[in-house]
């Protein structure tokens, strides 16, 4: 588990070291206001198969210029 003031609830679970390292980068980025790990599930069809996509993380930045 990763403790963070930028995550709702103060703790983010991670499934890999890469995910944890990305949380660490976001935690120390002054342009990131908050971030939510695995915030939504997006259903979609792949031909006849029902699939789902879950984004690893959605960060909220101070401005669009901070992303560029």
N, C-alpha and C. Protein backbone atom coordinates (compact mmCIF):
# COMPACT_ATOMS: atom_id res chain seq x y z
N UNK A 1 0.83 -1.17 0.00
CA UNK A 1 0.00 0.00 0.00
C UNK A 1 0.89 1.24 0.00
N UNK A 2 0.36 2.29 -0.63
CA UNK A 2 1.12 3.52 -0.80
C UNK A 2 0.34 4.65 -0.11
N UNK A 3 0.92 5.23 0.91
CA UNK A 3 0.28 6.34 1.63
C UNK A 3 0.51 7.64 0.87
N UNK A 4 -0.58 8.42 0.68
CA UNK A 4 -0.46 9.67 -0.07
C UNK A 4 -1.54 10.66 0.34
N UNK A 5 -1.16 11.91 0.44
CA UNK A 5 -2.13 12.97 0.69
C UNK A 5 -2.90 13.33 -0.57
N UNK A 6 -2.45 12.85 -1.72
CA UNK A 6 -3.09 13.19 -2.99
C UNK A 6 -4.11 12.15 -3.43
N UNK A 7 -4.32 11.11 -2.63
CA UNK A 7 -5.27 10.05 -2.96
C UNK A 7 -6.44 10.13 -1.99
N UNK A 8 -7.66 10.03 -2.53
CA UNK A 8 -8.83 10.00 -1.67
C UNK A 8 -8.72 8.80 -0.72
N UNK A 9 -8.88 9.03 0.55
CA UNK A 9 -8.73 7.98 1.54
C UNK A 9 -7.31 7.85 2.08
N UNK A 10 -6.36 8.51 1.42
CA UNK A 10 -4.99 8.55 1.91
C UNK A 10 -4.12 7.35 1.61
N UNK A 11 -4.69 6.31 0.98
CA UNK A 11 -3.91 5.11 0.68
C UNK A 11 -4.28 4.58 -0.70
N UNK A 12 -3.27 4.21 -1.48
CA UNK A 12 -3.48 3.63 -2.80
C UNK A 12 -2.86 2.24 -2.83
N UNK A 13 -3.60 1.30 -3.33
CA UNK A 13 -3.06 -0.06 -3.51
C UNK A 13 -2.39 -0.14 -4.89
N UNK A 14 -1.34 -0.92 -4.98
CA UNK A 14 -0.67 -1.09 -6.26
C UNK A 14 -0.44 -2.57 -6.51
N UNK A 15 -0.33 -2.92 -7.79
CA UNK A 15 -0.18 -4.32 -8.19
C UNK A 15 1.20 -4.64 -8.73
N UNK A 16 2.04 -3.61 -8.90
CA UNK A 16 3.40 -3.86 -9.41
C UNK A 16 4.33 -2.75 -8.92
N UNK A 17 5.61 -3.02 -9.01
CA UNK A 17 6.62 -2.02 -8.65
C UNK A 17 6.53 -0.81 -9.57
N UNK A 18 6.24 -1.05 -10.85
CA UNK A 18 6.11 0.04 -11.81
C UNK A 18 4.98 0.98 -11.40
N UNK A 19 3.86 0.43 -11.00
CA UNK A 19 2.73 1.22 -10.52
C UNK A 19 3.13 2.03 -9.27
N UNK A 20 3.80 1.39 -8.35
CA UNK A 20 4.25 2.07 -7.12
C UNK A 20 5.20 3.22 -7.46
N UNK A 21 6.12 2.98 -8.37
CA UNK A 21 7.07 4.01 -8.78
C UNK A 21 6.34 5.20 -9.43
N UNK A 22 5.31 4.91 -10.22
CA UNK A 22 4.54 5.98 -10.84
C UNK A 22 3.79 6.79 -9.78
N UNK A 23 3.24 6.12 -8.77
CA UNK A 23 2.60 6.82 -7.64
C UNK A 23 3.60 7.76 -6.97
N UNK A 24 4.81 7.28 -6.80
CA UNK A 24 5.85 8.09 -6.16
C UNK A 24 6.17 9.35 -6.99
N UNK A 25 6.24 9.18 -8.31
CA UNK A 25 6.47 10.34 -9.18
C UNK A 25 5.31 11.34 -9.07
N UNK A 26 4.08 10.84 -9.08
CA UNK A 26 2.92 11.72 -8.97
C UNK A 26 2.87 12.41 -7.61
N UNK A 27 3.24 11.71 -6.58
CA UNK A 27 3.23 12.26 -5.23
C UNK A 27 4.16 13.48 -5.12
N UNK A 28 5.28 13.45 -5.81
CA UNK A 28 6.26 14.52 -5.71
C UNK A 28 6.17 15.55 -6.84
N UNK A 29 5.23 15.35 -7.77
CA UNK A 29 5.05 16.31 -8.86
C UNK A 29 4.18 17.47 -8.36
N UNK A 30 4.71 18.68 -8.34
CA UNK A 30 3.94 19.82 -7.81
C UNK A 30 2.73 20.19 -8.68
N UNK A 31 2.68 19.70 -9.92
CA UNK A 31 1.57 19.99 -10.81
C UNK A 31 0.40 19.01 -10.64
N UNK A 32 0.60 17.95 -9.90
CA UNK A 32 -0.46 16.97 -9.66
C UNK A 32 -1.21 17.35 -8.39
N UNK A 33 -2.53 17.53 -8.52
CA UNK A 33 -3.37 17.86 -7.38
C UNK A 33 -3.80 16.58 -6.66
N UNK A 34 -4.36 15.65 -7.42
CA UNK A 34 -4.80 14.35 -6.89
C UNK A 34 -4.55 13.28 -7.94
N UNK A 35 -4.60 12.03 -7.50
CA UNK A 35 -4.63 10.91 -8.45
C UNK A 35 -5.44 9.78 -7.85
N UNK A 36 -6.15 9.08 -8.75
CA UNK A 36 -7.01 7.98 -8.32
C UNK A 36 -6.60 6.71 -9.05
N UNK A 37 -6.16 5.71 -8.31
CA UNK A 37 -5.81 4.44 -8.92
C UNK A 37 -7.06 3.63 -9.27
N UNK A 38 -7.05 3.04 -10.45
CA UNK A 38 -8.13 2.20 -10.96
C UNK A 38 -9.51 2.80 -10.65
N UNK A 39 -9.75 4.03 -11.15
CA UNK A 39 -10.94 4.77 -10.75
C UNK A 39 -12.25 4.33 -11.41
N UNK A 40 -12.18 3.77 -12.61
CA UNK A 40 -13.40 3.40 -13.33
C UNK A 40 -13.19 2.11 -14.10
N UNK A 41 -14.29 1.50 -14.45
CA UNK A 41 -14.26 0.33 -15.32
C UNK A 41 -15.04 0.71 -16.57
N UNK A 42 -14.43 0.57 -17.73
CA UNK A 42 -15.04 0.96 -19.00
C UNK A 42 -15.36 -0.30 -19.80
N UNK A 43 -16.64 -0.64 -19.92
CA UNK A 43 -17.01 -1.82 -20.70
C UNK A 43 -16.98 -1.50 -22.20
N UNK A 44 -16.62 -2.49 -23.01
CA UNK A 44 -16.63 -2.31 -24.46
C UNK A 44 -16.80 -3.67 -25.12
N UNK A 45 -17.17 -3.66 -26.39
CA UNK A 45 -17.32 -4.88 -27.16
C UNK A 45 -16.13 -5.05 -28.08
N UNK A 46 -15.59 -6.25 -28.10
CA UNK A 46 -14.52 -6.62 -29.02
C UNK A 46 -15.11 -7.72 -29.90
N UNK A 47 -15.70 -7.28 -31.00
CA UNK A 47 -16.45 -8.24 -31.82
C UNK A 47 -17.67 -8.67 -31.04
N UNK A 48 -17.79 -9.96 -30.78
CA UNK A 48 -18.93 -10.49 -30.02
C UNK A 48 -18.61 -10.65 -28.53
N UNK A 49 -17.41 -10.27 -28.13
CA UNK A 49 -16.98 -10.48 -26.74
C UNK A 49 -17.11 -9.20 -25.92
N UNK A 50 -17.68 -9.33 -24.74
CA UNK A 50 -17.74 -8.22 -23.80
C UNK A 50 -16.41 -8.16 -23.06
N UNK A 51 -15.78 -7.02 -23.10
CA UNK A 51 -14.51 -6.81 -22.43
C UNK A 51 -14.64 -5.62 -21.48
N UNK A 52 -13.58 -5.37 -20.72
CA UNK A 52 -13.56 -4.20 -19.86
C UNK A 52 -12.14 -3.66 -19.79
N UNK A 53 -12.06 -2.36 -19.67
CA UNK A 53 -10.77 -1.69 -19.53
C UNK A 53 -10.79 -0.91 -18.22
N UNK A 54 -9.76 -1.07 -17.41
CA UNK A 54 -9.64 -0.33 -16.16
C UNK A 54 -8.33 0.44 -16.23
N UNK A 55 -8.42 1.79 -16.33
CA UNK A 55 -7.18 2.58 -16.36
C UNK A 55 -6.40 2.39 -15.06
N UNK A 56 -5.10 2.33 -15.16
CA UNK A 56 -4.26 2.16 -13.97
C UNK A 56 -4.41 3.35 -13.04
N UNK A 57 -4.48 4.54 -13.61
CA UNK A 57 -4.52 5.74 -12.79
C UNK A 57 -5.07 6.91 -13.59
N UNK A 58 -5.74 7.82 -12.90
CA UNK A 58 -6.17 9.08 -13.51
C UNK A 58 -5.68 10.21 -12.60
N UNK A 59 -4.68 10.96 -13.08
CA UNK A 59 -4.19 12.09 -12.29
C UNK A 59 -4.96 13.37 -12.62
N UNK A 60 -5.06 14.27 -11.66
CA UNK A 60 -5.63 15.60 -11.88
C UNK A 60 -4.50 16.60 -11.75
N UNK A 61 -4.28 17.35 -12.83
CA UNK A 61 -3.19 18.32 -12.86
C UNK A 61 -3.69 19.74 -12.57
N UNK A 62 -2.79 20.61 -12.19
CA UNK A 62 -3.14 22.00 -11.89
C UNK A 62 -3.64 22.73 -13.13
N UNK A 63 -3.11 22.38 -14.31
CA UNK A 63 -3.53 23.00 -15.56
C UNK A 63 -3.12 22.11 -16.73
N UNK A 64 -3.71 22.37 -17.88
CA UNK A 64 -3.36 21.59 -19.06
C UNK A 64 -1.90 21.83 -19.47
N UNK A 65 -1.38 23.02 -19.17
CA UNK A 65 0.01 23.32 -19.49
C UNK A 65 0.97 22.43 -18.72
N UNK A 66 0.58 21.98 -17.54
CA UNK A 66 1.43 21.11 -16.73
C UNK A 66 1.61 19.74 -17.37
N UNK A 67 0.67 19.34 -18.21
CA UNK A 67 0.72 18.03 -18.86
C UNK A 67 1.64 18.05 -20.07
N UNK A 68 1.75 19.19 -20.71
CA UNK A 68 2.54 19.30 -21.95
C UNK A 68 4.01 19.21 -21.71
